[in-house]
Amino acid sequence: MINLHQKYNHYLNTNKLLDHDDIHETVRSYGWTDDGKDLTGYYVITENWVMHFDLSEKFIKKERLKSGVR
């Protein structure tokens, strides 16, 4: 199992930037995704994007956050 706290916590509340898929922003949050029964992956929220990954840590997609959502 992926330890999201170990992988992303050091980005929170710092000026450290995540550098992934042309996104160079601070991390605001991260968590798990599920299908209602099982974990399917995880997400990372930056200043302007939500990035989705599967349980193998493969990048799936990125979505721009709607204006005003933090």
Protein backbone atom coordinates (compact mmCIF):
# COMPACT_ATOMS: atom_id res chain seq x y z
CA MET A 1 0.00 0.00 0.00
CA ILE A 2 1.22 3.47 -0.86
CA ASN A 3 1.94 5.69 2.15
CA LEU A 4 0.50 9.02 0.97
CA HIS A 5 1.52 10.77 4.17
CA GLN A 6 5.15 9.78 3.64
CA LYS A 7 5.01 10.64 -0.07
CA TYR A 8 3.26 14.05 0.07
CA ASN A 9 3.12 15.42 3.63
CA HIS A 10 6.47 17.20 3.29
CA TYR A 11 4.87 19.37 0.57
CA LEU A 12 2.13 20.67 2.88
CA ASN A 13 2.57 24.01 4.62
CA THR A 14 5.95 24.64 2.98
CA ASN A 15 7.16 26.48 -0.09
CA LYS A 16 8.22 23.16 -1.68
CA LEU A 17 6.74 22.71 -5.16
CA LEU A 18 5.44 19.51 -6.69
CA ASP A 19 6.94 19.03 -10.15
CA HIS A 20 4.84 16.62 -12.17
CA ASP A 21 3.37 16.66 -15.69
CA ASP A 22 4.17 20.35 -16.27
CA ILE A 23 2.62 21.30 -12.92
CA HIS A 24 4.97 23.24 -10.64
CA GLU A 25 2.76 24.19 -7.69
CA THR A 26 2.35 23.74 -3.96
CA VAL A 27 0.33 20.77 -2.71
CA ARG A 28 -2.90 21.69 -0.93
CA SER A 29 -4.25 18.21 -0.19
CA TYR A 30 -4.15 14.54 -1.13
CA GLY A 31 -6.27 11.46 -0.48
CA TRP A 32 -7.68 8.20 -1.71
CA THR A 33 -10.21 7.49 -4.46
CA ASP A 34 -12.59 4.55 -4.40
CA ASP A 35 -15.42 2.95 -6.31
CA GLY A 36 -17.69 2.62 -3.28
CA LYS A 37 -16.21 -0.73 -2.32
CA ASP A 38 -12.46 -0.76 -2.95
CA LEU A 39 -9.64 1.76 -3.19
CA THR A 40 -8.94 2.57 -6.83
CA GLY A 41 -6.16 5.14 -6.52
CA TYR A 42 -5.35 8.51 -5.06
CA TYR A 43 -5.43 12.20 -5.90
CA VAL A 44 -3.20 15.20 -5.24
CA ILE A 45 -4.65 18.72 -5.20
CA THR A 46 -2.34 21.62 -6.02
CA GLU A 47 -3.14 25.33 -6.33
CA ASN A 48 -4.90 24.88 -9.69
CA TRP A 49 -5.05 21.15 -10.46
CA VAL A 50 -6.30 17.78 -9.26
CA MET A 51 -4.03 14.96 -10.39
CA HIS A 52 -5.29 11.36 -10.35
CA PHE A 53 -3.14 8.24 -9.96
CA ASP A 54 -3.92 4.53 -9.80
CA LEU A 55 -2.75 2.20 -7.04
CA SER A 56 0.40 1.42 -9.04
CA GLU A 57 1.23 5.16 -8.85
CA LYS A 58 0.61 5.52 -12.58
CA PHE A 59 -0.54 9.02 -13.55
CA ILE A 60 -4.08 8.85 -14.94
CA LYS A 61 -5.18 12.44 -15.62
CA LYS A 62 -5.21 16.00 -14.39
CA GLU A 63 -8.20 18.30 -14.06
CA ARG A 64 -8.13 22.05 -13.61
CA LEU A 65 -9.75 23.19 -10.37
CA LYS A 66 -12.76 25.42 -10.77
CA SER A 67 -12.14 29.05 -9.87
CA GLY A 68 -12.61 29.73 -6.19
CA VAL A 69 -12.21 26.11 -5.08
CA ARG A 70 -9.39 25.50 -2.61
